[in-house]
């Protein structure tokens, strides 16, 4: 009979230490400084790309909807 694999014991979970509001906001500010923010140029380029893709998708969905409507009307004989 094959032996059943045993699970490794879980390490005890550390309780998170409560900190005061000033320490908390200092930690938040420190984490915010670690973030790599996009440049203004990158943000503008991404926004333009999103707007163009939204327009392309709107045109595609309009055309698909219109073609389906024509096909349904043709089948119904309307």
PDB file of N, CA and C in Angstrom:
ATOM      1  N   UNK A   1       0.825  -1.158   0.000  1.00  0.00           N
ATOM      2  CA  UNK A   1       0.000   0.000   0.000  1.00  0.00           C
ATOM      3  C   UNK A   1       0.884   1.240   0.000  1.00  0.00           C
ATOM      4  N   UNK A   2       0.536   2.212  -0.836  1.00  0.00           N
ATOM      5  CA  UNK A   2       1.350   3.427  -0.938  1.00  0.00           C
ATOM      6  C   UNK A   2       1.133   4.298   0.287  1.00  0.00           C
ATOM      7  N   UNK A   3       2.235   4.917   0.711  1.00  0.00           N
ATOM      8  CA  UNK A   3       2.130   5.794   1.872  1.00  0.00           C
ATOM      9  C   UNK A   3       1.498   7.121   1.469  1.00  0.00           C
ATOM     10  N   UNK A   4       0.695   7.624   2.357  1.00  0.00           N
ATOM     11  CA  UNK A   4       0.030   8.890   2.118  1.00  0.00           C
ATOM     12  C   UNK A   4       1.025  10.014   2.423  1.00  0.00           C
ATOM     13  N   UNK A   5       1.194  10.981   1.473  1.00  0.00           N
ATOM     14  CA  UNK A   5       2.149  12.053   1.762  1.00  0.00           C
ATOM     15  C   UNK A   5       1.647  12.900   2.936  1.00  0.00           C
ATOM     16  N   UNK A   6       2.571  13.241   3.796  1.00  0.00           N
ATOM     17  CA  UNK A   6       2.194  14.046   4.956  1.00  0.00           C
ATOM     18  C   UNK A   6       2.382  15.516   4.626  1.00  0.00           C
ATOM     19  N   UNK A   7       1.512  16.314   5.197  1.00  0.00           N
ATOM     20  CA  UNK A   7       1.600  17.751   4.974  1.00  0.00           C
ATOM     21  C   UNK A   7       2.597  18.341   5.954  1.00  0.00           C
ATOM     22  N   UNK A   8       3.346  19.312   5.469  1.00  0.00           N
ATOM     23  CA  UNK A   8       4.284  19.997   6.344  1.00  0.00           C
ATOM     24  C   UNK A   8       3.498  20.861   7.317  1.00  0.00           C
ATOM     25  N   UNK A   9       3.937  20.923   8.551  1.00  0.00           N
ATOM     26  CA  UNK A   9       3.201  21.760   9.506  1.00  0.00           C
ATOM     27  C   UNK A   9       3.295  23.226   9.119  1.00  0.00           C
ATOM     28  N   UNK A  10       2.187  23.937   9.343  1.00  0.00           N
ATOM     29  CA  UNK A  10       2.163  25.362   9.011  1.00  0.00           C
ATOM     30  C   UNK A  10       2.907  26.139  10.089  1.00  0.00           C
ATOM     31  N   UNK A  11       3.702  27.114   9.644  1.00  0.00           N
ATOM     32  CA  UNK A  11       4.384  27.928  10.657  1.00  0.00           C
ATOM     33  C   UNK A  11       3.362  28.799  11.369  1.00  0.00           C
ATOM     34  N   UNK A  12       3.610  29.116  12.622  1.00  0.00           N
ATOM     35  CA  UNK A  12       2.639  29.962  13.330  1.00  0.00           C
ATOM     36  C   UNK A  12       2.547  31.334  12.671  1.00  0.00           C
ATOM     37  N   UNK A  13       1.331  31.818  12.539  1.00  0.00           N
ATOM     38  CA  UNK A  13       1.139  33.110  11.888  1.00  0.00           C
ATOM     39  C   UNK A  13       1.479  34.222  12.867  1.00  0.00           C
ATOM     40  N   UNK A  14       2.221  35.180  12.337  1.00  0.00           N
ATOM     41  CA  UNK A  14       2.581  36.322  13.161  1.00  0.00           C
ATOM     42  C   UNK A  14       1.411  37.287  13.199  1.00  0.00           C
ATOM     43  N   UNK A  15       1.152  37.807  14.389  1.00  0.00           N
ATOM     44  CA  UNK A  15       0.108  38.809  14.494  1.00  0.00           C
ATOM     45  C   UNK A  15       0.696  40.140  14.053  1.00  0.00           C
ATOM     46  N   UNK A  16      -0.065  40.870  13.244  1.00  0.00           N
ATOM     47  CA  UNK A  16       0.412  42.164  12.782  1.00  0.00           C
ATOM     48  C   UNK A  16       0.293  43.160  13.924  1.00  0.00           C
ATOM     49  N   UNK A  17       1.349  43.903  14.081  1.00  0.00           N
ATOM     50  CA  UNK A  17       1.380  44.893  15.135  1.00  0.00           C
ATOM     51  C   UNK A  17       0.551  46.099  14.724  1.00  0.00           C
ATOM     52  N   UNK A  18      -0.279  46.579  15.624  1.00  0.00           N
ATOM     53  CA  UNK A  18      -1.071  47.773  15.348  1.00  0.00           C
ATOM     54  C   UNK A  18      -0.170  48.983  15.485  1.00  0.00           C
ATOM     55  N   UNK A  19      -0.364  49.919  14.554  1.00  0.00           N
ATOM     56  CA  UNK A  19       0.429  51.141  14.603  1.00  0.00           C
ATOM     57  C   UNK A  19      -0.513  52.338  14.663  1.00  0.00           C
ATOM     58  N   UNK A  20       0.001  53.442  15.108  1.00  0.00           N
ATOM     59  CA  UNK A  20      -0.798  54.644  15.204  1.00  0.00           C
ATOM     60  C   UNK A  20      -1.019  55.260  13.829  1.00  0.00           C
ATOM     61  N   UNK A  21      -1.928  56.239  13.742  1.00  0.00           N
ATOM     62  CA  UNK A  21      -2.248  56.848  12.453  1.00  0.00           C
ATOM     63  C   UNK A  21      -1.062  57.561  11.812  1.00  0.00           C
ATOM     64  N   UNK A  22      -0.225  58.206  12.597  1.00  0.00           N
ATOM     65  CA  UNK A  22       0.930  58.908  12.010  1.00  0.00           C
ATOM     66  C   UNK A  22       1.919  57.924  11.396  1.00  0.00           C
ATOM     67  N   UNK A  23       2.153  56.812  12.095  1.00  0.00           N
ATOM     68  CA  UNK A  23       3.045  55.777  11.553  1.00  0.00           C
ATOM     69  C   UNK A  23       2.445  55.165  10.302  1.00  0.00           C
ATOM     70  N   UNK A  24       1.134  54.931  10.335  1.00  0.00           N
ATOM     71  CA  UNK A  24       0.453  54.353   9.173  1.00  0.00           C
ATOM     72  C   UNK A  24       0.623  55.245   7.944  1.00  0.00           C
ATOM     73  N   UNK A  25       0.354  56.543   8.103  1.00  0.00           N
ATOM     74  CA  UNK A  25       0.470  57.446   6.957  1.00  0.00           C
ATOM     75  C   UNK A  25       1.916  57.602   6.505  1.00  0.00           C
ATOM     76  N   UNK A  26       2.855  57.508   7.412  1.00  0.00           N
ATOM     77  CA  UNK A  26       4.273  57.536   7.025  1.00  0.00           C
ATOM     78  C   UNK A  26       4.605  56.306   6.185  1.00  0.00           C
ATOM     79  N   UNK A  27       4.062  55.150   6.564  1.00  0.00           N
ATOM     80  CA  UNK A  27       4.292  53.922   5.791  1.00  0.00           C
ATOM     81  C   UNK A  27       3.628  54.012   4.420  1.00  0.00           C
ATOM     82  N   UNK A  28       2.434  54.591   4.369  1.00  0.00           N
ATOM     83  CA  UNK A  28       1.744  54.758   3.090  1.00  0.00           C
ATOM     84  C   UNK A  28       2.557  55.653   2.175  1.00  0.00           C
ATOM     85  N   UNK A  29       3.079  56.746   2.709  1.00  0.00           N
ATOM     86  CA  UNK A  29       3.896  57.659   1.912  1.00  0.00           C
ATOM     87  C   UNK A  29       5.168  56.967   1.414  1.00  0.00           C
ATOM     88  N   UNK A  30       5.787  56.155   2.265  1.00  0.00           N
ATOM     89  CA  UNK A  30       6.998  55.427   1.867  1.00  0.00           C
ATOM     90  C   UNK A  30       6.692  54.452   0.736  1.00  0.00           C
ATOM     91  N   UNK A  31       5.558  53.744   0.828  1.00  0.00           N
ATOM     92  CA  UNK A  31       5.170  52.818  -0.250  1.00  0.00           C
ATOM     93  C   UNK A  31       4.854  53.581  -1.533  1.00  0.00           C
ATOM     94  N   UNK A  32       4.207  54.730  -1.407  1.00  0.00           N
ATOM     95  CA  UNK A  32       3.901  55.546  -2.588  1.00  0.00           C
ATOM     96  C   UNK A  32       5.149  56.030  -3.289  1.00  0.00           C
ATOM     97  N   UNK A  33       6.217  56.268  -2.525  1.00  0.00           N
ATOM     98  CA  UNK A  33       7.478  56.703  -3.138  1.00  0.00           C
ATOM     99  C   UNK A  33       8.165  55.580  -3.892  1.00  0.00           C
ATOM    100  N   UNK A  34       7.823  54.330  -3.590  1.00  0.00           N
ATOM    101  CA  UNK A  34       8.417  53.181  -4.288  1.00  0.00           C
ATOM    102  C   UNK A  34       7.770  52.927  -5.648  1.00  0.00           C
ATOM    103  N   UNK A  35       6.604  53.513  -5.866  1.00  0.00           N
ATOM    104  CA  UNK A  35       5.848  53.264  -7.096  1.00  0.00           C
ATOM    105  C   UNK A  35       6.534  53.951  -8.277  1.00  0.00           C
ATOM    106  N   UNK A  36       6.578  53.249  -9.410  1.00  0.00           N
ATOM    107  CA  UNK A  36       7.094  53.839 -10.639  1.00  0.00           C
ATOM    108  C   UNK A  36       5.906  54.433 -11.385  1.00  0.00           C
ATOM    109  N   UNK A  37       5.816  55.745 -11.388  1.00  0.00           N
ATOM    110  CA  UNK A  37       4.698  56.434 -12.011  1.00  0.00           C
ATOM    111  C   UNK A  37       4.978  56.643 -13.490  1.00  0.00           C
ATOM    112  N   UNK A  38       3.916  56.624 -14.307  1.00  0.00           N
ATOM    113  CA  UNK A  38       4.085  56.859 -15.739  1.00  0.00           C
ATOM    114  C   UNK A  38       4.340  58.349 -15.977  1.00  0.00           C
ATOM    115  N   UNK A  39       5.021  58.608 -17.086  1.00  0.00           N
ATOM    116  CA  UNK A  39       5.280  60.001 -17.434  1.00  0.00           C
ATOM    117  C   UNK A  39       4.028  60.591 -18.066  1.00  0.00           C
ATOM    118  N   UNK A  40       4.018  61.903 -18.179  1.00  0.00           N
ATOM    119  CA  UNK A  40       2.875  62.579 -18.799  1.00  0.00           C
ATOM    120  C   UNK A  40       2.704  62.107 -20.244  1.00  0.00           C
ATOM    121  N   UNK A  41       3.816  61.951 -20.954  1.00  0.00           N
ATOM    122  CA  UNK A  41       3.769  61.518 -22.353  1.00  0.00           C
ATOM    123  C   UNK A  41       3.187  60.105 -22.469  1.00  0.00           C
ATOM    124  N   UNK A  42       3.597  59.193 -21.595  1.00  0.00           N
ATOM    125  CA  UNK A  42       3.068  57.825 -21.624  1.00  0.00           C
ATOM    126  C   UNK A  42       1.561  57.812 -21.329  1.00  0.00           C
ATOM    127  N   UNK A  43       1.136  58.648 -20.393  1.00  0.00           N
ATOM    128  CA  UNK A  43      -0.284  58.718 -20.049  1.00  0.00           C
ATOM    129  C   UNK A  43      -1.098  59.241 -21.228  1.00  0.00           C
ATOM    130  N   UNK A  44      -0.603  60.255 -21.910  1.00  0.00           N
ATOM    131  CA  UNK A  44      -1.294  60.815 -23.077  1.00  0.00           C
ATOM    132  C   UNK A  44      -1.387  59.777 -24.188  1.00  0.00           C
ATOM    133  N   UNK A  45      -0.282  59.076 -24.450  1.00  0.00           N
ATOM    134  CA  UNK A  45      -0.273  58.053 -25.501  1.00  0.00           C
ATOM    135  C   UNK A  45      -1.256  56.928 -25.179  1.00  0.00           C
ATOM    136  N   UNK A  46      -1.290  56.477 -23.933  1.00  0.00           N
ATOM    137  CA  UNK A  46      -2.210  55.401 -23.552  1.00  0.00           C
ATOM    138  C   UNK A  46      -3.657  55.863 -23.676  1.00  0.00           C
ATOM    139  N   UNK A  47      -3.928  57.110 -23.303  1.00  0.00           N
ATOM    140  CA  UNK A  47      -5.291  57.643 -23.399  1.00  0.00           C
ATOM    141  C   UNK A  47      -5.743  57.710 -24.850  1.00  0.00           C
ATOM    142  N   UNK A  48      -4.872  58.195 -25.724  1.00  0.00           N
ATOM    143  CA  UNK A  48      -5.201  58.273 -27.153  1.00  0.00           C
ATOM    144  C   UNK A  48      -5.469  56.877 -27.707  1.00  0.00           C
ATOM    145  N   UNK A  49      -4.645  55.911 -27.332  1.00  0.00           N
ATOM    146  CA  UNK A  49      -4.824  54.540 -27.801  1.00  0.00           C
ATOM    147  C   UNK A  49      -6.180  53.987 -27.350  1.00  0.00           C
ATOM    148  N   UNK A  50      -6.547  54.226 -26.090  1.00  0.00           N
ATOM    149  CA  UNK A  50      -7.817  53.723 -25.568  1.00  0.00           C
ATOM    150  C   UNK A  50      -8.993  54.361 -26.305  1.00  0.00           C
ATOM    151  N   UNK A  51      -8.922  55.666 -26.564  1.00  0.00           N
ATOM    152  CA  UNK A  51     -10.012  56.350 -27.276  1.00  0.00           C
ATOM    153  C   UNK A  51     -10.141  55.798 -28.699  1.00  0.00           C
ATOM    154  N   UNK A  52      -9.020  55.622 -29.378  1.00  0.00           N
ATOM    155  CA  UNK A  52      -9.054  55.082 -30.749  1.00  0.00           C
ATOM    156  C   UNK A  52      -9.631  53.670 -30.754  1.00  0.00           C
ATOM    157  N   UNK A  53      -9.215  52.817 -29.819  1.00  0.00           N
ATOM    158  CA  UNK A  53      -9.730  51.449 -29.775  1.00  0.00           C
ATOM    159  C   UNK A  53     -11.221  51.438 -29.439  1.00  0.00           C
ATOM    160  N   UNK A  54     -11.678  52.350 -28.596  1.00  0.00           N
ATOM    161  CA  UNK A  54     -13.105  52.424 -28.284  1.00  0.00           C
ATOM    162  C   UNK A  54     -13.903  52.804 -29.522  1.00  0.00           C
ATOM    163  N   UNK A  55     -13.382  53.742 -30.310  1.00  0.00           N
ATOM    164  CA  UNK A  55     -14.061  54.147 -31.551  1.00  0.00           C
ATOM    165  C   UNK A  55     -14.091  52.990 -32.544  1.00  0.00           C
ATOM    166  N   UNK A  56     -12.972  52.283 -32.688  1.00  0.00           N
ATOM    167  CA  UNK A  56     -12.905  51.143 -33.614  1.00  0.00           C
ATOM    168  C   UNK A  56     -13.907  50.063 -33.194  1.00  0.00           C
ATOM    169  N   UNK A  57     -13.965  49.770 -31.895  1.00  0.00           N
ATOM    170  CA  UNK A  57     -14.912  48.753 -31.422  1.00  0.00           C
ATOM    171  C   UNK A  57     -16.352  49.206 -31.626  1.00  0.00           C
ATOM    172  N   UNK A  58     -16.644  50.481 -31.419  1.00  0.00           N
ATOM    173  CA  UNK A  58     -18.000  50.985 -31.622  1.00  0.00           C
ATOM    174  C   UNK A  58     -18.409  50.836 -33.084  1.00  0.00           C
ATOM    175  N   UNK A  59     -17.510  51.174 -33.985  1.00  0.00           N
ATOM    176  CA  UNK A  59     -17.805  51.028 -35.417  1.00  0.00           C
ATOM    177  C   UNK A  59     -18.027  49.563 -35.778  1.00  0.00           C
ATOM    178  N   UNK A  60     -17.159  48.680 -35.254  1.00  0.00           N
ATOM    179  CA  UNK A  60     -17.294  47.252 -35.536  1.00  0.00           C
ATOM    180  C   UNK A  60     -18.632  46.717 -35.031  1.00  0.00           C
ATOM    181  N   UNK A  61     -18.984  47.048 -33.783  1.00  0.00           N
ATOM    182  CA  UNK A  61     -20.232  46.542 -33.218  1.00  0.00           C
ATOM    183  C   UNK A  61     -21.446  47.118 -33.938  1.00  0.00           C
ATOM    184  N   UNK A  62     -21.379  48.376 -34.353  1.00  0.00           N
ATOM    185  CA  UNK A  62     -22.473  48.960 -35.126  1.00  0.00           C
ATOM    186  C   UNK A  62     -22.649  48.211 -36.446  1.00  0.00           C
ATOM    187  N   UNK A  63     -21.527  47.949 -37.141  1.00  0.00           N
ATOM    188  CA  UNK A  63     -21.597  47.250 -38.429  1.00  0.00           C
ATOM    189  C   UNK A  63     -22.131  45.833 -38.249  1.00  0.00           C
ATOM    190  N   UNK A  64     -21.665  45.132 -37.225  1.00  0.00           N
ATOM    191  CA  UNK A  64     -22.132  43.768 -36.982  1.00  0.00           C
ATOM    192  C   UNK A  64     -23.622  43.765 -36.664  1.00  0.00           C
ATOM    193  N   UNK A  65     -24.063  44.694 -35.829  1.00  0.00           N
ATOM    194  CA  UNK A  65     -25.479  44.788 -35.463  1.00  0.00           C
ATOM    195  C   UNK A  65     -26.331  45.093 -36.691  1.00  0.00           C
ATOM    196  N   UNK A  66     -25.846  46.005 -37.529  1.00  0.00           N
ATOM    197  CA  UNK A  66     -26.591  46.382 -38.732  1.00  0.00           C
ATOM    198  C   UNK A  66     -26.706  45.204 -39.699  1.00  0.00           C
ATOM    199  N   UNK A  67     -25.596  44.462 -39.882  1.00  0.00           N
ATOM    200  CA  UNK A  67     -25.629  43.303 -40.782  1.00  0.00           C
ATOM    201  C   UNK A  67     -26.557  42.213 -40.245  1.00  0.00           C
ATOM    202  N   UNK A  68     -26.543  41.980 -38.957  1.00  0.00           N
ATOM    203  CA  UNK A  68     -27.433  40.979 -38.370  1.00  0.00           C
ATOM    204  C   UNK A  68     -28.888  41.409 -38.536  1.00  0.00           C
ATOM    205  N   UNK A  69     -29.161  42.715 -38.351  1.00  0.00           N
ATOM    206  CA  UNK A  69     -30.517  43.223 -38.529  1.00  0.00           C
ATOM    207  C   UNK A  69     -30.975  43.003 -39.977  1.00  0.00           C
ATOM    208  N   UNK A  70     -30.105  43.281 -40.959  1.00  0.00           N
ATOM    209  CA  UNK A  70     -30.459  43.074 -42.351  1.00  0.00           C
ATOM    210  C   UNK A  70     -30.739  41.588 -42.621  1.00  0.00           C
ATOM    211  N   UNK A  71     -29.908  40.700 -42.061  1.00  0.00           N
ATOM    212  CA  UNK A  71     -30.089  39.282 -42.265  1.00  0.00           C
ATOM    213  C   UNK A  71     -31.418  38.807 -41.645  1.00  0.00           C
ATOM    214  N   UNK A  72     -31.721  39.256 -40.444  1.00  0.00           N
ATOM    215  CA  UNK A  72     -32.978  38.848 -39.790  1.00  0.00           C
ATOM    216  C   UNK A  72     -34.180  39.375 -40.586  1.00  0.00           C
ATOM    217  N   UNK A  73     -34.115  40.608 -41.042  1.00  0.00           N
ATOM    218  CA  UNK A  73     -35.217  41.174 -41.840  1.00  0.00           C
ATOM    219  C   UNK A  73     -35.380  40.420 -43.165  1.00  0.00           C
ATOM    220  N   UNK A  74     -34.263  39.984 -43.768  1.00  0.00           N
ATOM    221  CA  UNK A  74     -34.332  39.224 -45.013  1.00  0.00           C
ATOM    222  C   UNK A  74     -35.000  37.866 -44.773  1.00  0.00           C
ATOM    223  N   UNK A  75     -34.613  37.215 -43.660  1.00  0.00           N
ATOM    224  CA  UNK A  75     -35.195  35.906 -43.344  1.00  0.00           C
ATOM    225  C   UNK A  75     -36.681  36.032 -43.031  1.00  0.00           C
ATOM    226  N   UNK A  76     -37.059  37.082 -42.293  1.00  0.00           N
ATOM    227  CA  UNK A  76     -38.463  37.293 -41.948  1.00  0.00           C
ATOM    228  C   UNK A  76     -39.287  37.750 -43.142  1.00  0.00           C
ATOM    229  N   UNK A  77     -38.624  38.243 -44.175  1.00  0.00           N
ATOM    230  CA  UNK A  77     -39.312  38.706 -45.366  1.00  0.00           C
ATOM    231  C   UNK A  77     -39.910  40.091 -45.179  1.00  0.00           C
ATOM    232  N   UNK A  78     -39.352  40.860 -44.267  1.00  0.00           N
ATOM    233  CA  UNK A  78     -39.879  42.192 -43.997  1.00  0.00           C
ATOM    234  C   UNK A  78     -39.262  43.215 -44.926  1.00  0.00           C
TER     235      UNK A  78
END
